Structures are given as structure tokens and as C-alpha cells.
Amino acid sequence: MNCEEVKEKISIRTVLESFNLFPVKENRKTAFYFALDREEKIPSLSVDFVKNKAFDFGTGKSYDVISIVQQMNHCSVSEALKYLESFDFSMQNEFQNEETKQKKEYKILNVREIHHPALIQYLKSRKVYGLKNLVKEIEYEMSGKKYFGIGFFNNSGGVEIRNKYSKICLGKKDVTLIKNELNISNEILVFEGFFDYLTFRNLEKKENSNSDYLILNSTAMLFKVEEVLKKYNKISLFLDNDTNGKSVKEKIQNQYKNVEDCSLLYVDFKDFNEWGCKKCSQ
């Protein structure tokens, strides 16, 4: 597949999501994202889902799916094409025809306690089966096919879906803020994903924590809670040991006082859950 075909047949939204980039403001045809090459408080990257292109009002630079990969991975065109090989080429631009639009729709069919053996095994493999009451089994339909996964709801009613083969969000992307039972706390614990949160709760000694919990569900969601974090006297970070996690950690450390970097505990691991899996197996 050549460059022009890739630009036409791979959704720009999908490429941005592969880098944990999500819209700050959006409607059906367009959206605003934060810039690809710098930190900012007001999003300046305008994405046109109809044309499958983006424009940065701060620099005047235009992007397609290939140049986005080049910018994010600092790579050549050929390397960007190799990165995009793993994408579903059947996912056409969602505005090319009505049939494609229908394929992108979903329906949640059932929400219940975790029962499916595959999901039970997956929770056990992540060493958080004991916390199955904090997640749900979600059965949903997409592109005319039925799927199921472990579901974790965010503050906007969207649901993060995970299983051995899938990592998606149904509905609006948002953070999940969990208040302690007393609803009064001076400390908040920040996690990147809900498996890290479950790992902490699994290892936690106290049954009733006095801390609040914030699960970002994506590092791109930090902008939603910048005012919320100001309310706490202490912020404890359990972020991933990758580029995105380190970037968010530095941003929080520069913006707030009394920030504790708990990633030092699992510095040799990808994330807190991976460390927790190792610890629980010893």
C-alpha cells in the first residue's frame, strides 16, 4: 500500500489514539487536540475527520497520518509506513460513506458481575482477581459483531474495555475520580490505568483508605483534572515508566507542590501492575 492509500484508508483519529492523544473539544466532523510537539493549555491542533488531516494553528504546520507518526516517533516516511502496517486498513475515513459510519457505532448489550471464564483468567493473570467487584463484565456489539471485556467506567459514563486482545474505550473518554468513603481527603493517588489502581487496592493494607483515587485512563486526560489536583495537599503518582508517563510526571511536579513519585518503587518495570504481578508471584 502506497503513501496516498495509507493517507486515505487509515483514520487520523485512530493514529492519534495510538499515541494516547484524544480530543479536548470535538463534534462529529472536527476536533481540537493539544499540539504534537509542545505543551500548551489551550489546544491548537485542529483535526478535520472529513479530510483526514490536521492543522496546527500555533506553527502553521499541516499533518496527515504519516507525518503525525513522523512527528511523534521522530522517524522517516518509510519507518512511519512500517508503524502503520499494524493498523486495520479496512477502517476507512468515517465520513467516506454511511456504511463505514455504521461500522463505527456500538451498543452495550449487558453489564454484569464478572462471570466469563476468560475474563476471570485474565484478572488472575494480572493478579487482581480479588478486586473483581470494582469492575464489570461488559457485553457489547460493534460492526455487527458481539464482544465482551472487563469494563471500568469513567466520570462521563464512558467505559474502558480490556481483555487479553483488546484495549478500547466505549463512549466519551474521561478520567475516573474515586472519593474515599468519608469524602474528605488531603491526598490523592494518581494512576494511569485502572489495572494499576486495582493493583494498589489489592496490595493496600488498610481496608478503608483516607485517600482519593484518580485514574487518568489516558495521559492525554490530565488537562481535565488540573484544577482538581490543586485541592490536595499531597499528590502521589503511580504513572507508567514510558515517555508519556514521565512527561506527565514532570508536568505535575512542576505545577504542584508535595508531589511524590512512586514510580521509584517499580523503576525496573513497565508499570505498577507489572511490578505487582511480580510481587504477588513471589
C-alpha atoms as a PDB file:
ATOM      1  CA  MET A   1       0.000   0.000   0.000  1.00  0.00           C
ATOM      2  CA  ASN A   2       1.457   3.346  -1.064  1.00  0.00           C
ATOM      3  CA  CYS A   3       1.519   6.653   0.810  1.00  0.00           C
ATOM      4  CA  GLU A   4      -1.644   8.049  -0.775  1.00  0.00           C
ATOM      5  CA  GLU A   5      -3.632   4.916   0.049  1.00  0.00           C
ATOM      6  CA  VAL A   6      -2.422   4.992   3.653  1.00  0.00           C
ATOM      7  CA  LYS A   7      -3.440   8.659   3.991  1.00  0.00           C
ATOM      8  CA  GLU A   8      -6.921   7.825   2.718  1.00  0.00           C
ATOM      9  CA  LYS A   9      -7.601   4.499   4.390  1.00  0.00           C
ATOM     10  CA  ILE A  10      -6.302   4.924   7.947  1.00  0.00           C
ATOM     11  CA  SER A  11      -8.354   7.157  10.226  1.00  0.00           C
ATOM     12  CA  ILE A  12      -6.449  10.105  11.668  1.00  0.00           C
ATOM     13  CA  ARG A  13      -8.374   9.647  14.918  1.00  0.00           C
ATOM     14  CA  THR A  14      -7.081   6.071  15.214  1.00  0.00           C
ATOM     15  CA  VAL A  15      -3.482   7.170  14.645  1.00  0.00           C
ATOM     16  CA  LEU A  16      -3.759   9.895  17.281  1.00  0.00           C
ATOM     17  CA  GLU A  17      -5.301   7.426  19.739  1.00  0.00           C
ATOM     18  CA  SER A  18      -2.352   5.071  19.193  1.00  0.00           C
ATOM     19  CA  PHE A  19      -0.223   7.780  20.840  1.00  0.00           C
ATOM     20  CA  ASN A  20      -2.761   8.276  23.645  1.00  0.00           C
ATOM     21  CA  LEU A  21      -3.928  11.553  22.104  1.00  0.00           C
ATOM     22  CA  PHE A  22      -7.616  12.385  22.447  1.00  0.00           C
ATOM     23  CA  PRO A  23      -9.730  15.435  21.591  1.00  0.00           C
ATOM     24  CA  VAL A  24     -10.153  18.260  24.081  1.00  0.00           C
ATOM     25  CA  LYS A  25     -13.155  19.594  22.145  1.00  0.00           C
ATOM     26  CA  GLU A  26     -14.946  17.809  19.344  1.00  0.00           C
ATOM     27  CA  ASN A  27     -18.007  17.419  17.203  1.00  0.00           C
ATOM     28  CA  ARG A  28     -18.784  14.812  14.582  1.00  0.00           C
ATOM     29  CA  LYS A  29     -16.579  16.289  11.847  1.00  0.00           C
ATOM     30  CA  THR A  30     -13.808  18.212  13.622  1.00  0.00           C
ATOM     31  CA  ALA A  31     -11.908  18.339  16.910  1.00  0.00           C
ATOM     32  CA  PHE A  32      -9.206  20.244  18.744  1.00  0.00           C
ATOM     33  CA  TYR A  33      -6.220  18.436  20.257  1.00  0.00           C
ATOM     34  CA  PHE A  34      -3.187  19.637  22.141  1.00  0.00           C
ATOM     35  CA  ALA A  35      -0.148  20.221  19.920  1.00  0.00           C
ATOM     36  CA  LEU A  36       2.054  17.270  18.982  1.00  0.00           C
ATOM     37  CA  ASP A  37       5.372  18.987  19.612  1.00  0.00           C
ATOM     38  CA  ARG A  38       4.888  21.111  22.735  1.00  0.00           C
ATOM     39  CA  GLU A  39       2.935  21.536  25.945  1.00  0.00           C
ATOM     40  CA  GLU A  40       0.077  24.012  25.957  1.00  0.00           C
ATOM     41  CA  LYS A  41      -3.005  24.906  27.975  1.00  0.00           C
ATOM     42  CA  ILE A  42      -5.229  25.844  25.030  1.00  0.00           C
ATOM     43  CA  PRO A  43      -5.414  23.210  22.262  1.00  0.00           C
ATOM     44  CA  SER A  44      -4.188  24.469  18.907  1.00  0.00           C
ATOM     45  CA  LEU A  45      -4.203  21.344  16.727  1.00  0.00           C
ATOM     46  CA  SER A  46      -7.346  21.342  14.584  1.00  0.00           C
ATOM     47  CA  VAL A  47      -8.261  17.911  13.211  1.00  0.00           C
ATOM     48  CA  ASP A  48     -10.615  17.536  10.263  1.00  0.00           C
ATOM     49  CA  PHE A  49     -12.031  13.996  10.275  1.00  0.00           C
ATOM     50  CA  VAL A  50     -13.649  14.525   6.868  1.00  0.00           C
ATOM     51  CA  LYS A  51     -10.377  15.422   5.126  1.00  0.00           C
ATOM     52  CA  ASN A  52      -8.383  13.115   7.450  1.00  0.00           C
ATOM     53  CA  LYS A  53      -5.886  15.924   8.090  1.00  0.00           C
ATOM     54  CA  ALA A  54      -4.773  18.201  10.927  1.00  0.00           C
ATOM     55  CA  PHE A  55      -3.550  21.786  11.130  1.00  0.00           C
ATOM     56  CA  ASP A  56      -1.502  23.343  13.943  1.00  0.00           C
ATOM     57  CA  PHE A  57      -2.567  26.986  14.360  1.00  0.00           C
ATOM     58  CA  GLY A  58       0.489  27.629  16.534  1.00  0.00           C
ATOM     59  CA  THR A  59       3.080  26.688  13.917  1.00  0.00           C
ATOM     60  CA  GLY A  60       1.094  26.729  10.682  1.00  0.00           C
ATOM     61  CA  LYS A  61       2.066  23.129  10.002  1.00  0.00           C
ATOM     62  CA  SER A  62      -0.287  20.627   8.349  1.00  0.00           C
ATOM     63  CA  TYR A  63      -0.342  16.907   9.148  1.00  0.00           C
ATOM     64  CA  ASP A  64      -1.629  13.703   7.628  1.00  0.00           C
ATOM     65  CA  VAL A  65      -1.451  10.254   9.263  1.00  0.00           C
ATOM     66  CA  ILE A  66       2.112   9.659   8.032  1.00  0.00           C
ATOM     67  CA  SER A  67       3.530  12.992   9.176  1.00  0.00           C
ATOM     68  CA  ILE A  68       1.835  12.559  12.570  1.00  0.00           C
ATOM     69  CA  VAL A  69       3.758   9.312  13.058  1.00  0.00           C
ATOM     70  CA  GLN A  70       6.940  11.012  11.863  1.00  0.00           C
ATOM     71  CA  GLN A  71       6.446  13.815  14.383  1.00  0.00           C
ATOM     72  CA  MET A  72       5.662  11.523  17.317  1.00  0.00           C
ATOM     73  CA  ASN A  73       8.311   8.872  16.605  1.00  0.00           C
ATOM     74  CA  HIS A  74      10.921  11.195  15.065  1.00  0.00           C
ATOM     75  CA  CYS A  75      11.272   8.854  12.122  1.00  0.00           C
ATOM     76  CA  SER A  76      11.422   8.721   8.317  1.00  0.00           C
ATOM     77  CA  VAL A  77       8.495   8.175   5.952  1.00  0.00           C
ATOM     78  CA  SER A  78       9.431   4.516   5.453  1.00  0.00           C
ATOM     79  CA  GLU A  79       9.601   3.975   9.215  1.00  0.00           C
ATOM     80  CA  ALA A  80       6.224   5.671   9.618  1.00  0.00           C
ATOM     81  CA  LEU A  81       4.719   3.378   6.987  1.00  0.00           C
ATOM     82  CA  LYS A  82       6.105   0.382   8.845  1.00  0.00           C
ATOM     83  CA  TYR A  83       4.473   1.658  12.044  1.00  0.00           C
ATOM     84  CA  LEU A  84       1.150   1.996  10.220  1.00  0.00           C
ATOM     85  CA  GLU A  85       1.328  -1.537   8.808  1.00  0.00           C
ATOM     86  CA  SER A  86      -0.209  -2.855  12.018  1.00  0.00           C
ATOM     87  CA  PHE A  87      -3.343  -0.705  11.604  1.00  0.00           C
ATOM     88  CA  ASP A  88      -6.606  -2.009  10.245  1.00  0.00           C
ATOM     89  CA  PHE A  89      -6.573  -0.837   6.620  1.00  0.00           C
ATOM     90  CA  SER A  90     -10.272  -1.624   6.300  1.00  0.00           C
ATOM     91  CA  MET A  91     -11.005   1.269   8.673  1.00  0.00           C
ATOM     92  CA  GLN A  92     -11.779   3.885   6.083  1.00  0.00           C
ATOM     93  CA  ASN A  93     -12.277   7.544   6.850  1.00  0.00           C
ATOM     94  CA  GLU A  94     -15.545   7.549   8.834  1.00  0.00           C
ATOM     95  CA  PHE A  95     -17.108  10.165   6.533  1.00  0.00           C
ATOM     96  CA  GLN A  96     -16.393   8.458   3.215  1.00  0.00           C
ATOM     97  CA  ASN A  97     -19.720   6.649   3.261  1.00  0.00           C
ATOM     98  CA  GLU A  98     -22.643   5.802   5.508  1.00  0.00           C
ATOM     99  CA  GLU A  99     -21.698   2.121   5.706  1.00  0.00           C
ATOM    100  CA  THR A 100     -18.387   2.957   7.403  1.00  0.00           C
ATOM    101  CA  LYS A 101     -20.190   5.274   9.816  1.00  0.00           C
ATOM    102  CA  GLN A 102     -22.460   2.428  10.858  1.00  0.00           C
ATOM    103  CA  LYS A 103     -19.488   0.144  11.444  1.00  0.00           C
ATOM    104  CA  LYS A 104     -18.073   2.571  13.972  1.00  0.00           C
ATOM    105  CA  GLU A 105     -21.271   2.539  16.060  1.00  0.00           C
ATOM    106  CA  TYR A 106     -21.502   0.354  19.145  1.00  0.00           C
ATOM    107  CA  LYS A 107     -24.152  -0.860  21.558  1.00  0.00           C
ATOM    108  CA  ILE A 108     -23.663  -2.081  25.128  1.00  0.00           C
ATOM    109  CA  LEU A 109     -25.794  -5.201  25.455  1.00  0.00           C
ATOM    110  CA  ASN A 110     -25.197  -6.263  29.041  1.00  0.00           C
ATOM    111  CA  VAL A 111     -23.416  -5.107  32.198  1.00  0.00           C
ATOM    112  CA  ARG A 112     -22.978  -7.631  34.985  1.00  0.00           C
ATOM    113  CA  GLU A 113     -20.563  -9.073  37.527  1.00  0.00           C
ATOM    114  CA  ILE A 114     -17.526 -10.915  36.172  1.00  0.00           C
ATOM    115  CA  HIS A 115     -18.590 -14.443  35.177  1.00  0.00           C
ATOM    116  CA  HIS A 116     -16.914 -15.369  31.897  1.00  0.00           C
ATOM    117  CA  PRO A 117     -14.024 -17.842  32.438  1.00  0.00           C
ATOM    118  CA  ALA A 118     -11.747 -15.959  30.013  1.00  0.00           C
ATOM    119  CA  LEU A 119     -12.194 -12.702  31.934  1.00  0.00           C
ATOM    120  CA  ILE A 120     -11.702 -14.440  35.269  1.00  0.00           C
ATOM    121  CA  GLN A 121      -8.447 -15.912  33.954  1.00  0.00           C
ATOM    122  CA  TYR A 122      -7.363 -12.516  32.630  1.00  0.00           C
ATOM    123  CA  LEU A 123      -7.929 -10.862  36.009  1.00  0.00           C
ATOM    124  CA  LYS A 124      -5.982 -13.668  37.659  1.00  0.00           C
ATOM    125  CA  SER A 125      -3.111 -13.217  35.210  1.00  0.00           C
ATOM    126  CA  ARG A 126      -2.986  -9.518  36.190  1.00  0.00           C
ATOM    127  CA  LYS A 127      -3.122 -10.545  39.894  1.00  0.00           C
ATOM    128  CA  VAL A 128      -6.250  -8.501  40.659  1.00  0.00           C
ATOM    129  CA  TYR A 129      -8.985 -11.147  40.670  1.00  0.00           C
ATOM    130  CA  GLY A 130      -9.727 -10.323  44.313  1.00  0.00           C
ATOM    131  CA  LEU A 131     -10.901  -6.874  43.173  1.00  0.00           C
ATOM    132  CA  LYS A 132     -13.376  -8.168  40.578  1.00  0.00           C
ATOM    133  CA  ASN A 133     -16.150  -6.319  42.405  1.00  0.00           C
ATOM    134  CA  LEU A 134     -14.617  -2.998  41.244  1.00  0.00           C
ATOM    135  CA  VAL A 135     -15.053  -3.806  37.550  1.00  0.00           C
ATOM    136  CA  LYS A 136     -17.851  -5.191  35.387  1.00  0.00           C
ATOM    137  CA  GLU A 137     -18.279  -7.693  32.603  1.00  0.00           C
ATOM    138  CA  ILE A 138     -19.400  -5.760  29.529  1.00  0.00           C
ATOM    139  CA  GLU A 139     -21.025  -7.406  26.535  1.00  0.00           C
ATOM    140  CA  TYR A 140     -21.195  -5.085  23.533  1.00  0.00           C
ATOM    141  CA  GLU A 141     -21.823  -5.074  19.816  1.00  0.00           C
ATOM    142  CA  MET A 142     -19.618  -3.347  17.239  1.00  0.00           C
ATOM    143  CA  SER A 143     -19.599  -3.634  13.456  1.00  0.00           C
ATOM    144  CA  GLY A 144     -22.387  -6.180  13.734  1.00  0.00           C
ATOM    145  CA  LYS A 145     -20.320  -8.499  15.928  1.00  0.00           C
ATOM    146  CA  LYS A 146     -20.606  -9.239  19.639  1.00  0.00           C
ATOM    147  CA  TYR A 147     -17.660  -8.877  22.029  1.00  0.00           C
ATOM    148  CA  PHE A 148     -17.084  -8.920  25.757  1.00  0.00           C
ATOM    149  CA  GLY A 149     -14.473  -7.497  28.108  1.00  0.00           C
ATOM    150  CA  ILE A 150     -13.663  -6.159  31.552  1.00  0.00           C
ATOM    151  CA  GLY A 151     -15.246  -2.732  31.962  1.00  0.00           C
ATOM    152  CA  PHE A 152     -14.238   0.227  34.102  1.00  0.00           C
ATOM    153  CA  PHE A 153     -16.460   3.313  33.967  1.00  0.00           C
ATOM    154  CA  ASN A 154     -15.205   6.879  33.789  1.00  0.00           C
ATOM    155  CA  ASN A 155     -16.809  10.088  35.079  1.00  0.00           C
ATOM    156  CA  SER A 156     -18.645  10.737  31.796  1.00  0.00           C
ATOM    157  CA  GLY A 157     -20.276   7.319  31.596  1.00  0.00           C
ATOM    158  CA  GLY A 158     -17.769   6.019  29.062  1.00  0.00           C
ATOM    159  CA  VAL A 159     -16.279   2.625  29.757  1.00  0.00           C
ATOM    160  CA  GLU A 160     -12.715   1.397  29.384  1.00  0.00           C
ATOM    161  CA  ILE A 161     -12.791  -2.120  27.944  1.00  0.00           C
ATOM    162  CA  ARG A 162      -9.942  -4.566  28.460  1.00  0.00           C
ATOM    163  CA  ASN A 163      -9.382  -8.213  27.706  1.00  0.00           C
ATOM    164  CA  LYS A 164      -6.462 -10.274  26.504  1.00  0.00           C
ATOM    165  CA  TYR A 165      -6.852  -8.990  22.951  1.00  0.00           C
ATOM    166  CA  SER A 166      -8.498  -5.576  23.177  1.00  0.00           C
ATOM    167  CA  LYS A 167      -7.950  -2.141  24.719  1.00  0.00           C
ATOM    168  CA  ILE A 168     -10.643   0.358  23.754  1.00  0.00           C
ATOM    169  CA  CYS A 169     -12.998   2.955  25.211  1.00  0.00           C
ATOM    170  CA  LEU A 170     -16.721   2.888  24.508  1.00  0.00           C
ATOM    171  CA  GLY A 171     -18.339   6.306  24.777  1.00  0.00           C
ATOM    172  CA  LYS A 172     -16.709   9.539  25.832  1.00  0.00           C
ATOM    173  CA  LYS A 173     -13.123   9.395  27.062  1.00  0.00           C
ATOM    174  CA  ASP A 174     -12.661  10.787  30.576  1.00  0.00           C
ATOM    175  CA  VAL A 175     -10.915  10.287  33.902  1.00  0.00           C
ATOM    176  CA  THR A 176     -12.301   8.325  36.850  1.00  0.00           C
ATOM    177  CA  LEU A 177     -12.196  10.149  40.194  1.00  0.00           C
ATOM    178  CA  ILE A 178     -12.979   7.975  43.219  1.00  0.00           C
ATOM    179  CA  LYS A 179     -13.579   9.665  46.559  1.00  0.00           C
ATOM    180  CA  ASN A 180     -12.954   7.873  49.858  1.00  0.00           C
ATOM    181  CA  GLU A 181     -15.975   6.979  51.984  1.00  0.00           C
ATOM    182  CA  LEU A 182     -15.547   9.974  54.284  1.00  0.00           C
ATOM    183  CA  ASN A 183     -15.460  12.251  51.215  1.00  0.00           C
ATOM    184  CA  ILE A 184     -12.730  14.307  52.892  1.00  0.00           C
ATOM    185  CA  SER A 185      -9.115  13.788  51.870  1.00  0.00           C
ATOM    186  CA  ASN A 186      -5.884  15.769  51.697  1.00  0.00           C
ATOM    187  CA  GLU A 187      -4.134  13.198  49.491  1.00  0.00           C
ATOM    188  CA  ILE A 188      -4.854  11.886  46.018  1.00  0.00           C
ATOM    189  CA  LEU A 189      -3.235   8.898  44.328  1.00  0.00           C
ATOM    190  CA  VAL A 190      -2.895   9.187  40.553  1.00  0.00           C
ATOM    191  CA  PHE A 191      -2.831   6.137  38.273  1.00  0.00           C
ATOM    192  CA  GLU A 192      -2.533   5.931  34.517  1.00  0.00           C
ATOM    193  CA  GLY A 193      -4.795   2.910  34.009  1.00  0.00           C
ATOM    194  CA  PHE A 194      -7.351   1.049  36.068  1.00  0.00           C
ATOM    195  CA  PHE A 195      -5.241  -2.108  36.385  1.00  0.00           C
ATOM    196  CA  ASP A 196      -2.655  -0.018  38.259  1.00  0.00           C
ATOM    197  CA  TYR A 197      -5.436   1.223  40.532  1.00  0.00           C
ATOM    198  CA  LEU A 198      -6.671  -2.332  41.142  1.00  0.00           C
ATOM    199  CA  THR A 199      -3.110  -3.403  41.901  1.00  0.00           C
ATOM    200  CA  PHE A 200      -2.767  -0.726  44.555  1.00  0.00           C
ATOM    201  CA  ARG A 201      -6.083  -1.636  46.132  1.00  0.00           C
ATOM    202  CA  ASN A 202      -5.037  -5.289  46.125  1.00  0.00           C
ATOM    203  CA  LEU A 203      -1.763  -4.549  47.914  1.00  0.00           C
ATOM    204  CA  GLU A 204      -3.201  -1.937  50.246  1.00  0.00           C
ATOM    205  CA  LYS A 205      -3.090  -2.911  53.899  1.00  0.00           C
ATOM    206  CA  LYS A 206      -5.940  -0.717  55.136  1.00  0.00           C
ATOM    207  CA  GLU A 207      -9.480  -1.663  54.195  1.00  0.00           C
ATOM    208  CA  ASN A 208     -10.708   1.945  54.228  1.00  0.00           C
ATOM    209  CA  SER A 209      -8.234   4.379  52.741  1.00  0.00           C
ATOM    210  CA  ASN A 210      -8.365   8.069  53.584  1.00  0.00           C
ATOM    211  CA  SER A 211      -7.001   8.920  50.139  1.00  0.00           C
ATOM    212  CA  ASP A 212      -8.872   9.745  46.959  1.00  0.00           C
ATOM    213  CA  TYR A 213      -8.008   7.964  43.718  1.00  0.00           C
ATOM    214  CA  LEU A 214      -7.649   9.401  40.225  1.00  0.00           C
ATOM    215  CA  ILE A 215      -7.381   7.091  37.219  1.00  0.00           C
ATOM    216  CA  LEU A 216      -6.466   9.090  34.119  1.00  0.00           C
ATOM    217  CA  ASN A 217      -7.430   6.316  31.669  1.00  0.00           C
ATOM    218  CA  SER A 218      -5.018   8.142  29.340  1.00  0.00           C
ATOM    219  CA  THR A 219      -2.216  10.608  29.973  1.00  0.00           C
ATOM    220  CA  ALA A 220      -3.975  12.924  27.491  1.00  0.00           C
ATOM    221  CA  MET A 221      -6.747  13.427  30.061  1.00  0.00           C
ATOM    222  CA  LEU A 222      -4.558  15.364  32.511  1.00  0.00           C
ATOM    223  CA  PHE A 223      -5.995  18.698  31.357  1.00  0.00           C
ATOM    224  CA  LYS A 224      -9.375  17.662  32.782  1.00  0.00           C
ATOM    225  CA  VAL A 225      -8.118  17.473  36.370  1.00  0.00           C
ATOM    226  CA  GLU A 226      -5.575  20.274  36.667  1.00  0.00           C
ATOM    227  CA  GLU A 227      -7.955  22.294  38.859  1.00  0.00           C
ATOM    228  CA  VAL A 228      -8.957  19.212  40.860  1.00  0.00           C
ATOM    229  CA  LEU A 229      -5.357  18.439  41.815  1.00  0.00           C
ATOM    230  CA  LYS A 230      -4.932  21.900  43.316  1.00  0.00           C
ATOM    231  CA  LYS A 231      -7.311  20.919  46.133  1.00  0.00           C
ATOM    232  CA  TYR A 232      -4.947  18.314  47.581  1.00  0.00           C
ATOM    233  CA  ASN A 233      -2.029  18.805  49.938  1.00  0.00           C
ATOM    234  CA  LYS A 234      -0.259  15.705  48.614  1.00  0.00           C
ATOM    235  CA  ILE A 235      -0.224  14.048  45.197  1.00  0.00           C
ATOM    236  CA  SER A 236       1.197  10.530  44.871  1.00  0.00           C
ATOM    237  CA  LEU A 237       1.980   9.422  41.314  1.00  0.00           C
ATOM    238  CA  PHE A 238       1.837   5.801  40.101  1.00  0.00           C
ATOM    239  CA  LEU A 239       2.447   6.505  36.407  1.00  0.00           C
ATOM    240  CA  ASP A 240       3.988   4.286  33.731  1.00  0.00           C
ATOM    241  CA  ASN A 241       7.729   4.222  33.145  1.00  0.00           C
ATOM    242  CA  ASP A 242       7.416   5.269  29.499  1.00  0.00           C
ATOM    243  CA  THR A 243       7.711   8.559  27.644  1.00  0.00           C
ATOM    244  CA  ASN A 244       4.102   9.619  28.244  1.00  0.00           C
ATOM    245  CA  GLY A 245       4.187   8.678  31.917  1.00  0.00           C
ATOM    246  CA  LYS A 246       7.429  10.534  32.522  1.00  0.00           C
ATOM    247  CA  SER A 247       6.171  13.598  30.675  1.00  0.00           C
ATOM    248  CA  VAL A 248       3.001  13.783  32.785  1.00  0.00           C
ATOM    249  CA  LYS A 249       5.024  13.202  35.951  1.00  0.00           C
ATOM    250  CA  GLU A 250       7.313  16.137  35.152  1.00  0.00           C
ATOM    251  CA  LYS A 251       4.361  18.368  34.310  1.00  0.00           C
ATOM    252  CA  ILE A 252       2.640  17.597  37.634  1.00  0.00           C
ATOM    253  CA  GLN A 253       5.871  18.023  39.586  1.00  0.00           C
ATOM    254  CA  ASN A 254       6.438  21.440  38.009  1.00  0.00           C
ATOM    255  CA  GLN A 255       2.870  22.592  38.559  1.00  0.00           C
ATOM    256  CA  TYR A 256       2.100  21.394  42.095  1.00  0.00           C
ATOM    257  CA  LYS A 257       3.739  21.114  45.497  1.00  0.00           C
ATOM    258  CA  ASN A 258       4.227  17.983  47.620  1.00  0.00           C
ATOM    259  CA  VAL A 259       4.275  15.545  44.698  1.00  0.00           C
ATOM    260  CA  GLU A 260       5.631  12.066  45.429  1.00  0.00           C
ATOM    261  CA  ASP A 261       6.960   9.982  42.539  1.00  0.00           C
ATOM    262  CA  CYS A 262       6.050   6.417  43.490  1.00  0.00           C
ATOM    263  CA  SER A 263       7.427   5.012  40.217  1.00  0.00           C
ATOM    264  CA  LEU A 264      10.778   4.666  42.006  1.00  0.00           C
ATOM    265  CA  LEU A 265       9.212   1.605  43.624  1.00  0.00           C
ATOM    266  CA  TYR A 266       8.838  -0.137  40.249  1.00  0.00           C
ATOM    267  CA  VAL A 267      11.593   1.573  38.265  1.00  0.00           C
ATOM    268  CA  ASP A 268      12.632  -1.676  36.532  1.00  0.00           C
ATOM    269  CA  PHE A 269       9.096  -2.452  35.367  1.00  0.00           C
ATOM    270  CA  LYS A 270       6.819  -1.081  32.652  1.00  0.00           C
ATOM    271  CA  ASP A 271       4.112  -0.034  35.099  1.00  0.00           C
ATOM    272  CA  PHE A 272       2.778  -0.564  38.609  1.00  0.00           C
ATOM    273  CA  ASN A 273       0.647  -3.561  37.630  1.00  0.00           C
ATOM    274  CA  GLU A 274       3.607  -5.379  36.093  1.00  0.00           C
ATOM    275  CA  TRP A 275       5.539  -4.836  39.329  1.00  0.00           C
ATOM    276  CA  GLY A 276       2.514  -6.005  41.338  1.00  0.00           C
ATOM    277  CA  CYS A 277       2.264  -9.198  39.267  1.00  0.00           C
ATOM    278  CA  LYS A 278       5.894  -9.971  40.037  1.00  0.00           C
ATOM    279  CA  LYS A 279       5.483  -9.189  43.727  1.00  0.00           C
ATOM    280  CA  CYS A 280       2.371 -11.373  44.069  1.00  0.00           C
ATOM    281  CA  SER A 281       4.075 -14.325  42.371  1.00  0.00           C
ATOM    282  CA  GLN A 282       6.994 -14.392  44.817  1.00  0.00           C
END
